[in-house]
Amino acid sequence: MSIRIRLLLSYLTMLVVPLVLLGISIAVIVGVVFGDVKKSFLPVNMQNQNPIAAVLREESDVAADIRLRIGNDPDSLRDVDRMRAYNDRLDRINMGLIVRVKDQVVYASSKFQGTDIASRLPAYGSGAEGNLHEPGMNHGENSWVLTRQYDVVFSDGSKGSYFVWMNLDFVAWFFSKFFKLVFIAFLVILILFNGVLTYYVSRSIIRPLRSLKRAAGELKEGNLAYRVTPESRDEIGELAAAFEEMRVKLKESIDLQLQFEDNRKQLISNISHDLKTPVTAIKGYVEGIMDGVADSPEKLDRYLKTIHSKTEQLDRMIDELFLFSKLDLKRLPFHFEEVELNAFLQDCTDELQMDADKRGAKLVYEPPENGGPAFVLADREKLKRVLVNIIENAVKYMDKEDGRIWVRLNAEPGICRIVVQDNGQGISPEALPHIFDRFYRADPARNSDTGGSGLGLAIARHIVEEHGGAISAASEPGVGTVIMISLKRRINGGHPS
């Protein structure tokens, strides 16, 4: 889940869940506060009813009895005991009673002591009998509201009124306590829930960031082996994956740089050794001539031929070093064209046959069985250099009197394979994986006369790879070696097959 969606959901959760919890809390608070109202203000037996319904029921019973007596026996309403009974019932529901007869208050609830409510009573007939009057007659320390006025005419013609009042102190107390508890509940829910939610959301963001910071510190200290594992599938997880990819690339780059540095040192060492060998020989023969060691024409001629041979060898080594350097730096231009391999290999073997014969090896080209054309996209000169290096290498290491070198072409759908096989001394299994490395010689004696510069097969590999192909070798000591070159085949006309 992305951080954007996670933050949006957490925001919605912070809005909805606290409101739901607040609603539940309000329901609980209302029940608790109503329970306190019952105990403190409404000590009537409510039989588990809603307190408001219980108050209305009790007040309605009193009102119904008063109306009944007004219609049937009005004089009974002048009885003080009756007034006291009504007042006791009203007192249990936090109400009070005042009775006025002939403009004189004949009964008043004890709750009105110390107030001037009796002097402010409405006049006879000022309101509809039994109707709720406008609230707002607040007197004394308590808040009293006139709820009902019952006007009555007694049998002697005198007039009186029953006034029912309600004390609203419990309402103020209820709302004061209710809102205080609701406010506390809201703060607790907001702090606890949003705090916990914020902690977990921020933790899911901060923890992977700390992991990335720790990884950056490890990389700064040079510990490129420290892995970064993405802990989520959000943007930070993508950042961690990119960071890990960067670490891997950086490690590969540094490892490659270190390898290049080692190779450079090895290259300098090998160049120094391989160039020094013919130079030392030339110097020795020249000094021999200068010192008069070559004291006969035959000996002088032999010395000069040796110097010439070493000079050619030195020149060849410098050429190969220069060629390999340009190949390694990818600065050697290639001129690709469509080449028919059958004719190309036939020409190459014919050209190299004479040199092979001089060195006691028989070079044979075996065309493909189907005899059809096999086209590839290649640089003729570079591809010829590959064959020359491979065949010269086979001739150098030939240890058989009837030495043979076979060149074959296997044309398959999509692939042309050039196979160069010899029956020479072969290559040991330990040396075989390294024969395409630069300056590598299977001969531990590093004999330059036999082993050459050690760049021949390395150059061949570079050239084949620049052609988009592959080169490999198989060998068995004492039996011979097989070098295979694979190139992409093309249909005549320039299209890949």
Protein backbone atom coordinates (compact mmCIF):
# COMPACT_ATOMS: atom_id res chain seq x y z
CA MET A 1 0.00 0.00 0.00
CA SER A 2 1.41 3.39 -0.97
CA ILE A 3 2.16 6.06 1.63
CA ARG A 4 -0.39 8.36 0.01
CA ILE A 5 -3.23 5.84 0.41
CA ARG A 6 -2.01 4.91 3.90
CA LEU A 7 -2.06 8.54 5.04
CA LEU A 8 -5.49 9.07 3.46
CA LEU A 9 -6.90 6.00 5.24
CA SER A 10 -5.33 7.02 8.53
CA TYR A 11 -6.85 10.50 8.14
CA LEU A 12 -10.30 9.04 7.48
CA THR A 13 -9.85 6.66 10.40
CA MET A 14 -8.90 9.57 12.66
CA LEU A 15 -12.16 11.25 11.68
CA VAL A 16 -14.60 8.33 11.71
CA VAL A 17 -13.43 6.09 14.54
CA PRO A 18 -13.21 8.86 17.21
CA LEU A 19 -16.74 9.96 16.25
CA VAL A 20 -18.02 6.39 16.61
CA LEU A 21 -16.25 5.97 19.94
CA LEU A 22 -17.54 9.37 21.06
CA GLY A 23 -21.09 8.31 20.17
CA ILE A 24 -20.71 5.15 22.25
CA SER A 25 -19.21 7.20 25.08
CA ILE A 26 -22.10 9.68 24.94
CA ALA A 27 -24.60 6.83 25.24
CA VAL A 28 -22.74 5.49 28.29
CA ILE A 29 -22.40 8.99 29.79
CA VAL A 30 -26.12 9.70 29.32
CA GLY A 31 -26.94 6.49 31.16
CA VAL A 32 -24.57 7.33 33.99
CA VAL A 33 -25.73 10.93 34.30
CA PHE A 34 -29.39 9.93 34.20
CA GLY A 35 -28.62 7.48 36.97
CA ASP A 36 -27.18 10.33 39.02
CA VAL A 37 -30.25 12.46 38.20
CA LYS A 38 -32.47 9.67 39.52
CA LYS A 39 -30.50 9.46 42.75
CA SER A 40 -30.06 13.19 43.35
CA PHE A 41 -33.12 14.91 41.87
CA LEU A 42 -35.79 12.33 41.01
CA PRO A 43 -36.08 9.85 43.89
CA VAL A 44 -39.40 8.55 42.55
CA ASN A 45 -39.76 4.81 41.83
CA MET A 46 -39.24 4.73 38.05
CA GLN A 47 -39.30 0.95 37.68
CA ASN A 48 -36.36 1.07 35.25
CA GLN A 49 -38.17 3.60 33.07
CA ASN A 50 -36.67 6.53 31.28
CA PRO A 51 -36.51 9.29 33.96
CA ILE A 52 -38.17 11.84 31.68
CA ALA A 53 -41.04 9.43 30.96
CA ALA A 54 -41.36 8.71 34.69
CA VAL A 55 -41.52 12.42 35.56
CA LEU A 56 -44.10 13.09 32.85
CA ARG A 57 -46.18 10.14 34.02
CA GLU A 58 -46.13 11.24 37.66
CA GLU A 59 -46.88 14.85 36.78
CA SER A 60 -49.68 13.79 34.43
CA ASP A 61 -51.28 11.67 37.19
CA VAL A 62 -51.33 14.67 39.53
CA ALA A 63 -52.68 16.94 36.78
CA ALA A 64 -55.42 14.43 35.88
CA ASP A 65 -56.53 14.15 39.50
CA ILE A 66 -56.69 17.94 39.87
CA ARG A 67 -58.73 18.30 36.67
CA LEU A 68 -61.07 15.53 37.80
CA ARG A 69 -61.72 17.22 41.13
CA ILE A 70 -62.19 20.60 39.45
CA GLY A 71 -65.04 19.11 37.47
CA ASN A 72 -66.62 16.87 40.14
CA ASP A 73 -65.67 18.13 43.60
CA PRO A 74 -63.87 21.50 43.48
CA ASP A 75 -64.23 22.09 47.22
CA SER A 76 -61.99 19.08 47.90
CA LEU A 77 -59.17 21.11 46.43
CA ARG A 78 -59.38 23.51 49.43
CA ASP A 79 -58.38 20.72 51.76
CA VAL A 80 -54.85 21.34 53.06
CA ASP A 81 -54.16 17.63 53.39
CA ARG A 82 -55.02 17.24 49.72
CA MET A 83 -52.66 20.10 48.89
CA ARG A 84 -49.94 18.47 50.99
CA ALA A 85 -50.46 15.10 49.25
CA TYR A 86 -50.16 16.73 45.82
CA ASN A 87 -47.03 18.57 46.95
CA ASP A 88 -45.44 15.36 48.26
CA ARG A 89 -45.96 13.67 44.91
CA LEU A 90 -44.62 16.67 43.01
CA ASP A 91 -41.69 17.01 45.35
CA ARG A 92 -40.48 13.54 44.40
CA ILE A 93 -40.16 14.68 40.78
CA ASN A 94 -38.44 17.95 41.67
CA MET A 95 -41.60 20.07 41.38
CA GLY A 96 -43.45 22.32 43.78
CA LEU A 97 -47.08 23.44 44.42
CA ILE A 98 -48.56 26.83 45.27
CA VAL A 99 -52.32 27.23 45.93
CA ARG A 100 -54.01 30.62 45.91
CA VAL A 101 -57.64 31.23 47.05
CA LYS A 102 -59.22 34.69 46.87
CA ASP A 103 -55.87 36.25 46.01
CA GLN A 104 -54.30 34.76 49.14
CA VAL A 105 -51.66 32.02 49.08
CA VAL A 106 -53.08 29.30 51.26
CA TYR A 107 -50.40 26.71 50.56
CA ALA A 108 -46.83 26.79 49.23
CA SER A 109 -44.18 24.11 49.01
CA SER A 110 -41.37 24.45 51.51
CA LYS A 111 -39.00 24.70 48.56
CA PHE A 112 -40.24 28.24 47.93
CA GLN A 113 -39.19 29.55 51.31
CA GLY A 114 -36.91 32.53 50.89
CA THR A 115 -38.27 33.32 47.42
CA ASP A 116 -40.79 35.89 46.21
CA ILE A 117 -42.53 33.52 43.79
CA ALA A 118 -45.85 33.79 45.65
CA SER A 119 -46.02 37.54 45.04
CA ARG A 120 -45.43 37.07 41.31
CA LEU A 121 -48.10 34.52 40.51
CA PRO A 122 -50.13 35.07 37.33
CA ALA A 123 -53.68 36.39 37.72
CA TYR A 124 -56.71 34.13 37.70
CA GLY A 125 -57.60 33.17 34.13
CA SER A 126 -54.34 34.50 32.68
CA GLY A 127 -53.59 31.26 30.86
CA ALA A 128 -55.36 28.27 29.38
CA GLU A 129 -56.00 25.74 32.09
CA GLY A 130 -53.47 22.96 32.13
CA ASN A 131 -51.17 24.55 29.51
CA LEU A 132 -47.45 25.03 29.85
CA HIS A 133 -46.63 28.66 30.50
CA GLU A 134 -43.66 30.53 29.11
CA PRO A 135 -40.55 29.61 31.12
CA GLY A 136 -38.39 32.28 32.64
CA MET A 137 -39.76 33.06 36.07
CA ASN A 138 -36.51 32.50 37.90
CA HIS A 139 -36.48 33.37 41.56
CA GLY A 140 -34.11 32.89 44.43
CA GLU A 141 -31.12 30.68 44.14
CA ASN A 142 -33.00 28.01 42.23
CA SER A 143 -34.41 28.16 38.74
CA TRP A 144 -38.19 27.61 38.84
CA VAL A 145 -40.45 27.48 35.79
CA LEU A 146 -44.24 27.59 35.93
CA THR A 147 -45.49 24.54 34.05
CA ARG A 148 -49.24 24.42 34.83
CA GLN A 149 -51.95 26.72 36.18
CA TYR A 150 -55.31 25.20 37.13
CA ASP A 151 -58.07 27.74 37.85
CA VAL A 152 -60.98 26.53 39.96
CA VAL A 153 -64.34 28.04 41.11
CA PHE A 154 -65.45 26.71 44.47
CA SER A 155 -69.10 26.10 45.52
CA ASP A 156 -69.30 29.43 47.38
CA GLY A 157 -68.29 31.30 44.21
CA SER A 158 -64.79 32.08 45.31
CA LYS A 159 -61.95 31.59 42.86
CA GLY A 160 -58.65 29.87 43.29
CA SER A 161 -55.66 28.59 41.32
CA TYR A 162 -53.29 25.64 41.57
CA PHE A 163 -49.78 26.48 40.33
CA VAL A 164 -47.33 23.68 39.48
CA TRP A 165 -43.66 24.67 39.29
CA MET A 166 -40.62 22.77 38.12
CA ASN A 167 -37.11 23.25 39.46
CA LEU A 168 -34.66 23.31 36.53
CA ASP A 169 -31.54 23.07 38.66
CA PHE A 170 -31.18 19.43 37.68
CA VAL A 171 -31.16 20.43 33.98
CA ALA A 172 -28.24 22.78 34.49
CA TRP A 173 -26.53 20.16 36.63
CA PHE A 174 -27.22 17.49 34.00
CA PHE A 175 -25.79 19.49 31.12
CA SER A 176 -22.84 20.69 33.18
CA LYS A 177 -21.87 17.17 34.14
CA PHE A 178 -22.80 15.73 30.75
CA PHE A 179 -20.69 18.15 28.73
CA LYS A 180 -17.81 17.88 31.17
CA LEU A 181 -17.75 14.09 30.82
CA VAL A 182 -18.23 14.30 27.04
CA PHE A 183 -15.33 16.74 26.76
CA ILE A 184 -13.10 14.49 28.88
CA ALA A 185 -14.12 11.44 26.86
CA PHE A 186 -13.46 13.30 23.61
CA LEU A 187 -9.98 14.33 24.76
CA VAL A 188 -9.14 10.81 25.95
CA ILE A 189 -10.37 9.21 22.71
CA LEU A 190 -8.62 11.81 20.56
CA ILE A 191 -5.32 11.57 22.41
CA LEU A 192 -5.22 7.80 22.84
CA PHE A 193 -6.64 6.64 19.52
CA ASN A 194 -5.02 9.26 17.29
CA GLY A 195 -1.79 8.95 19.27
CA VAL A 196 -1.67 5.18 18.79
CA LEU A 197 -2.66 5.44 15.12
CA THR A 198 -0.09 8.18 14.50
CA TYR A 199 2.57 6.09 16.23
CA TYR A 200 1.96 3.04 14.06
CA VAL A 201 1.66 5.03 10.82
CA SER A 202 4.80 7.05 11.56
CA ARG A 203 6.59 3.88 12.70
CA SER A 204 5.83 2.22 9.36
CA ILE A 205 7.48 5.20 7.65
CA ILE A 206 10.31 6.02 10.07
CA ARG A 207 11.55 2.45 10.59
CA PRO A 208 12.43 1.78 6.91
CA LEU A 209 13.91 5.28 6.68
CA ARG A 210 16.16 4.47 9.64
CA SER A 211 17.11 1.24 7.92
CA LEU A 212 18.05 3.21 4.81
CA LYS A 213 20.02 5.67 6.94
CA ARG A 214 21.90 2.80 8.57
CA ALA A 215 22.60 1.29 5.13
CA ALA A 216 23.85 4.66 3.86
CA GLY A 217 26.18 4.82 6.87
CA GLU A 218 27.49 1.34 6.11
CA LEU A 219 28.12 2.31 2.50
CA LYS A 220 29.85 5.50 3.64
CA GLU A 221 32.18 3.35 5.73
CA GLY A 222 32.90 1.19 2.69
CA ASN A 223 30.83 -1.84 3.71
CA LEU A 224 29.35 -2.62 0.31
CA ALA A 225 28.27 -6.10 1.46
CA TYR A 226 25.52 -4.61 3.69
CA ARG A 227 22.20 -5.57 2.11
CA VAL A 228 19.06 -3.45 2.16
CA THR A 229 15.85 -5.48 2.32
CA PRO A 230 12.62 -3.59 1.41
CA GLU A 231 10.23 -3.80 4.38
CA SER A 232 7.11 -2.58 2.58
CA ARG A 233 5.56 -2.23 -0.85
CA ASP A 234 5.13 1.54 -0.75
CA GLU A 235 7.28 4.38 -2.04
CA ILE A 236 9.85 3.79 0.71
CA GLY A 237 9.99 0.11 -0.28
CA GLU A 238 10.63 1.18 -3.87
CA LEU A 239 13.32 3.56 -2.60
CA ALA A 240 14.90 0.70 -0.60
CA ALA A 241 14.82 -1.54 -3.68
CA ALA A 242 16.43 1.22 -5.77
CA PHE A 243 19.00 1.76 -3.00
CA GLU A 244 19.79 -1.97 -2.96
CA GLU A 245 20.11 -1.98 -6.75
CA MET A 246 22.44 1.01 -6.50
CA ARG A 247 24.50 -0.81 -3.84
CA VAL A 248 24.79 -3.89 -6.04
CA LYS A 249 25.77 -1.81 -9.07
CA LEU A 250 28.27 0.15 -6.99
CA LYS A 251 29.76 -3.03 -5.56
CA GLU A 252 30.01 -4.55 -9.03
CA SER A 253 31.60 -1.35 -10.33
CA ILE A 254 34.15 -1.24 -7.52
CA ASP A 255 34.87 -4.96 -7.83
CA LEU A 256 35.32 -4.47 -11.56
CA GLN A 257 37.55 -1.48 -10.92
CA LEU A 258 39.64 -3.53 -8.49
CA GLN A 259 39.80 -6.33 -11.04
CA PHE A 260 40.86 -3.86 -13.71
CA GLU A 261 43.52 -2.56 -11.35
CA ASP A 262 44.79 -6.08 -10.74
CA ASN A 263 44.67 -6.76 -14.46
CA ARG A 264 46.54 -3.55 -15.15
CA LYS A 265 49.28 -4.53 -12.74
CA GLN A 266 49.37 -8.00 -14.24
CA LEU A 267 49.40 -6.48 -17.73
CA ILE A 268 52.36 -4.27 -16.92
CA SER A 269 54.18 -7.22 -15.36
CA ASN A 270 53.47 -9.48 -18.35
CA ILE A 271 54.34 -6.82 -20.89
CA SER A 272 57.60 -6.13 -19.09
CA HIS A 273 58.45 -9.83 -18.97
CA ASP A 274 57.39 -10.67 -22.52
CA LEU A 275 59.11 -7.66 -24.07
CA LYS A 276 62.21 -8.10 -21.99
CA THR A 277 62.80 -11.67 -23.19
CA PRO A 278 63.41 -10.91 -26.91
CA VAL A 279 65.13 -7.59 -26.05
CA THR A 280 67.56 -9.45 -23.76
CA ALA A 281 68.24 -12.00 -26.49
CA ILE A 282 68.84 -9.27 -29.09
CA LYS A 283 71.12 -7.42 -26.71
CA GLY A 284 73.10 -10.60 -25.98
CA TYR A 285 73.64 -11.44 -29.66
CA VAL A 286 74.57 -7.83 -30.50
CA GLU A 287 77.09 -7.77 -27.66
CA GLY A 288 78.44 -11.09 -28.92
CA ILE A 289 79.00 -9.57 -32.36
CA MET A 290 80.55 -6.45 -30.84
CA ASP A 291 82.87 -8.57 -28.65
CA GLY A 292 83.96 -10.63 -31.67
CA VAL A 293 82.33 -13.84 -30.53
CA ALA A 294 80.90 -14.27 -34.06
CA ASP A 295 84.34 -14.80 -35.50
CA SER A 296 83.25 -16.64 -38.63
CA PRO A 297 80.85 -15.73 -41.44
CA GLU A 298 78.61 -18.71 -40.60
CA LYS A 299 78.40 -17.73 -36.93
CA LEU A 300 77.81 -14.09 -37.78
CA ASP A 301 75.05 -15.09 -40.19
CA ARG A 302 73.45 -17.25 -37.51
CA TYR A 303 73.65 -14.38 -34.99
CA LEU A 304 72.06 -11.96 -37.43
CA LYS A 305 69.27 -14.37 -38.30
CA THR A 306 68.56 -14.86 -34.61
CA ILE A 307 68.48 -11.10 -34.06
CA HIS A 308 66.14 -10.76 -37.03
CA SER A 309 63.87 -13.50 -35.67
CA LYS A 310 63.74 -11.91 -32.21
CA THR A 311 63.06 -8.53 -33.77
CA GLU A 312 60.13 -9.97 -35.73
CA GLN A 313 58.88 -11.65 -32.60
CA LEU A 314 59.15 -8.36 -30.72
CA ASP A 315 57.37 -6.52 -33.51
CA ARG A 316 54.60 -9.15 -33.54
CA MET A 317 54.18 -8.88 -29.79
CA ILE A 318 53.94 -5.09 -29.96
CA ASP A 319 51.34 -5.38 -32.73
CA GLU A 320 49.29 -7.82 -30.66
CA LEU A 321 49.56 -5.62 -27.58
CA PHE A 322 48.42 -2.62 -29.59
CA LEU A 323 45.57 -4.59 -31.16
CA PHE A 324 44.45 -6.01 -27.84
CA SER A 325 44.58 -2.57 -26.21
CA LYS A 326 42.31 -1.09 -28.88
CA LEU A 327 39.95 -4.07 -28.64
CA ASP A 328 39.84 -3.79 -24.86
CA LEU A 329 39.05 -0.08 -25.06
CA LYS A 330 36.56 -0.71 -27.91
CA ARG A 331 38.43 1.72 -30.14
CA LEU A 332 39.13 -0.65 -33.02
CA PRO A 333 36.78 0.05 -35.95
CA PHE A 334 34.91 -2.87 -37.50
CA HIS A 335 33.73 -2.90 -41.09
CA PHE A 336 30.90 -5.41 -41.25
CA GLU A 337 29.69 -6.91 -44.49
CA GLU A 338 27.86 -9.98 -45.61
CA VAL A 339 30.33 -12.87 -45.80
CA GLU A 340 29.72 -16.35 -47.22
CA LEU A 341 31.58 -18.54 -44.71
CA ASN A 342 32.10 -21.58 -46.95
CA ALA A 343 34.16 -19.69 -49.51
CA PHE A 344 35.78 -17.53 -46.82
CA LEU A 345 37.06 -20.54 -44.81
CA GLN A 346 38.27 -22.26 -47.96
CA ASP A 347 40.36 -19.20 -48.90
CA CYS A 348 41.78 -18.87 -45.38
CA THR A 349 42.86 -22.51 -45.12
CA ASP A 350 44.42 -22.40 -48.56
CA GLU A 351 46.42 -19.33 -47.52
CA LEU A 352 47.55 -20.85 -44.21
CA GLN A 353 48.25 -24.34 -45.59
CA MET A 354 51.78 -23.59 -46.71
CA ASP A 355 52.84 -22.17 -43.34
CA ALA A 356 51.33 -25.17 -41.56
CA ASP A 357 53.13 -27.58 -43.87
CA LYS A 358 56.46 -25.92 -43.12
CA ARG A 359 55.92 -26.60 -39.43
CA GLY A 360 54.91 -30.21 -39.92
CA ALA A 361 51.12 -29.94 -39.62
CA LYS A 362 48.43 -30.80 -42.15
CA LEU A 363 45.63 -28.20 -42.43
CA VAL A 364 42.36 -29.52 -43.90
CA TYR A 365 39.09 -27.72 -44.57
CA GLU A 366 35.89 -29.78 -44.51
CA PRO A 367 32.93 -27.95 -46.10
CA PRO A 368 29.39 -28.52 -44.78
CA GLU A 369 27.60 -31.61 -45.98
CA ASN A 370 24.66 -29.75 -47.52
CA GLY A 371 27.06 -27.50 -49.48
CA GLY A 372 24.64 -24.59 -49.38
CA PRO A 373 25.68 -20.95 -48.74
CA ALA A 374 26.14 -19.83 -45.13
CA PHE A 375 26.04 -16.05 -44.77
CA VAL A 376 27.07 -14.06 -41.71
CA LEU A 377 27.64 -10.37 -41.03
CA ALA A 378 31.38 -10.02 -40.34
CA ASP A 379 34.56 -8.02 -40.73
CA ARG A 380 36.66 -10.17 -43.07
CA GLU A 381 40.06 -9.03 -41.78
CA LYS A 382 39.14 -9.39 -38.10
CA LEU A 383 37.49 -12.78 -38.59
CA LYS A 384 40.56 -13.95 -40.54
CA ARG A 385 42.72 -12.80 -37.60
CA VAL A 386 40.68 -15.06 -35.33
CA LEU A 387 41.33 -18.10 -37.53
CA VAL A 388 45.04 -17.24 -37.88
CA ASN A 389 45.46 -16.98 -34.10
CA ILE A 390 43.64 -20.25 -33.45
CA ILE A 391 45.48 -22.21 -36.18
CA GLU A 392 48.88 -20.76 -35.19
CA ASN A 393 48.20 -21.74 -31.61
CA ALA A 394 47.32 -25.28 -32.73
CA VAL A 395 50.53 -25.49 -34.82
CA LYS A 396 52.70 -24.24 -31.94
CA TYR A 397 51.45 -26.88 -29.54
CA MET A 398 51.43 -29.73 -32.07
CA ASP A 399 53.46 -32.69 -30.67
CA LYS A 400 52.56 -35.33 -33.25
CA GLU A 401 54.63 -36.20 -36.34
CA ASP A 402 51.41 -36.63 -38.33
CA GLY A 403 49.87 -33.49 -36.88
CA ARG A 404 46.51 -32.53 -38.35
CA ILE A 405 44.26 -29.52 -38.04
CA TRP A 406 40.68 -29.69 -39.31
CA VAL A 407 38.50 -26.67 -40.04
CA ARG A 408 34.79 -27.44 -40.37
CA LEU A 409 31.67 -25.41 -40.96
CA ASN A 410 28.37 -26.51 -39.43
CA ALA A 411 25.53 -24.44 -40.83
CA GLU A 412 22.37 -24.74 -38.69
CA PRO A 413 19.14 -22.73 -38.67
CA GLY A 414 20.05 -19.36 -37.18
CA ILE A 415 23.64 -20.37 -36.30
CA CYS A 416 26.89 -20.96 -38.16
CA ARG A 417 29.54 -22.83 -36.20
CA ILE A 418 33.20 -22.77 -37.21
CA VAL A 419 35.04 -25.71 -35.65
CA VAL A 420 38.85 -25.88 -35.50
CA GLN A 421 40.10 -29.23 -34.26
CA ASP A 422 43.63 -30.57 -33.85
CA ASN A 423 45.26 -33.76 -32.64
CA GLY A 424 47.95 -31.96 -30.64
CA GLN A 425 49.00 -32.32 -27.02
CA GLY A 426 45.69 -30.95 -25.66
CA ILE A 427 45.06 -28.71 -22.66
CA SER A 428 44.80 -29.75 -19.04
CA PRO A 429 41.39 -29.38 -17.31
CA GLU A 430 42.90 -26.83 -14.89
CA ALA A 431 44.15 -24.62 -17.72
CA LEU A 432 41.16 -24.95 -20.09
CA PRO A 433 38.91 -22.31 -18.42
CA HIS A 434 41.70 -19.71 -18.70
CA ILE A 435 42.96 -20.10 -22.26
CA PHE A 436 40.99 -17.05 -23.45
CA ASP A 437 42.42 -14.85 -20.67
CA ARG A 438 45.06 -12.37 -21.72
CA PHE A 439 48.69 -13.34 -21.17
CA TYR A 440 47.67 -16.80 -20.06
CA ARG A 441 49.85 -19.72 -21.16
CA ALA A 442 49.27 -23.32 -20.30
CA ASP A 443 53.04 -23.78 -20.46
CA PRO A 444 54.33 -22.83 -17.00
CA ALA A 445 57.80 -22.24 -18.41
CA ARG A 446 56.34 -19.21 -20.30
CA ASN A 447 58.54 -20.00 -23.27
CA SER A 448 58.01 -17.14 -25.70
CA ASP A 449 59.25 -19.15 -28.61
CA THR A 450 56.46 -21.63 -28.08
CA GLY A 451 53.81 -19.74 -26.21
CA GLY A 452 53.89 -16.44 -28.07
CA SER A 453 52.56 -13.31 -26.38
CA GLY A 454 49.67 -15.02 -24.61
CA LEU A 455 47.21 -12.68 -26.33
CA GLY A 456 46.23 -14.70 -29.39
CA LEU A 457 43.12 -16.40 -27.98
CA ALA A 458 42.20 -13.32 -25.91
CA ILE A 459 42.20 -11.28 -29.12
CA ALA A 460 40.12 -13.98 -30.84
CA ARG A 461 37.54 -13.86 -28.05
CA HIS A 462 37.25 -10.06 -28.23
CA ILE A 463 36.78 -10.11 -32.00
CA VAL A 464 34.14 -12.87 -31.88
CA GLU A 465 32.21 -11.06 -29.12
CA GLU A 466 32.27 -7.84 -31.18
CA HIS A 467 30.59 -9.90 -33.92
CA GLY A 468 27.83 -10.83 -31.47
CA GLY A 469 29.04 -14.42 -31.35
CA ALA A 470 30.61 -16.78 -28.83
CA ILE A 471 33.80 -18.81 -28.66
CA SER A 472 34.43 -21.90 -26.54
CA ALA A 473 36.92 -24.73 -26.23
CA ALA A 474 37.01 -28.41 -25.34
CA SER A 475 40.16 -30.47 -24.93
CA GLU A 476 41.53 -33.77 -23.76
CA PRO A 477 45.23 -34.03 -22.88
CA GLY A 478 47.14 -36.19 -25.37
CA VAL A 479 44.17 -36.31 -27.77
CA GLY A 480 43.67 -32.78 -29.01
CA THR A 481 41.68 -29.55 -28.73
CA VAL A 482 38.48 -28.25 -30.33
CA ILE A 483 37.73 -24.51 -30.66
CA MET A 484 34.15 -23.60 -31.63
CA ILE A 485 33.05 -20.19 -32.94
CA SER A 486 29.30 -19.48 -33.14
CA LEU A 487 27.97 -16.65 -35.32
CA LYS A 488 24.44 -15.56 -36.19
CA ARG A 489 23.45 -16.85 -39.60
CA ARG A 490 21.82 -14.61 -42.18
CA ILE A 491 19.68 -15.37 -45.18
CA ASN A 492 21.08 -14.14 -48.47
CA GLY A 493 19.81 -10.60 -48.82
CA GLY A 494 20.72 -9.40 -45.37
CA HIS A 495 17.88 -10.76 -43.23
CA PRO A 496 18.52 -12.94 -40.16
CA SER A 497 17.51 -16.56 -40.63
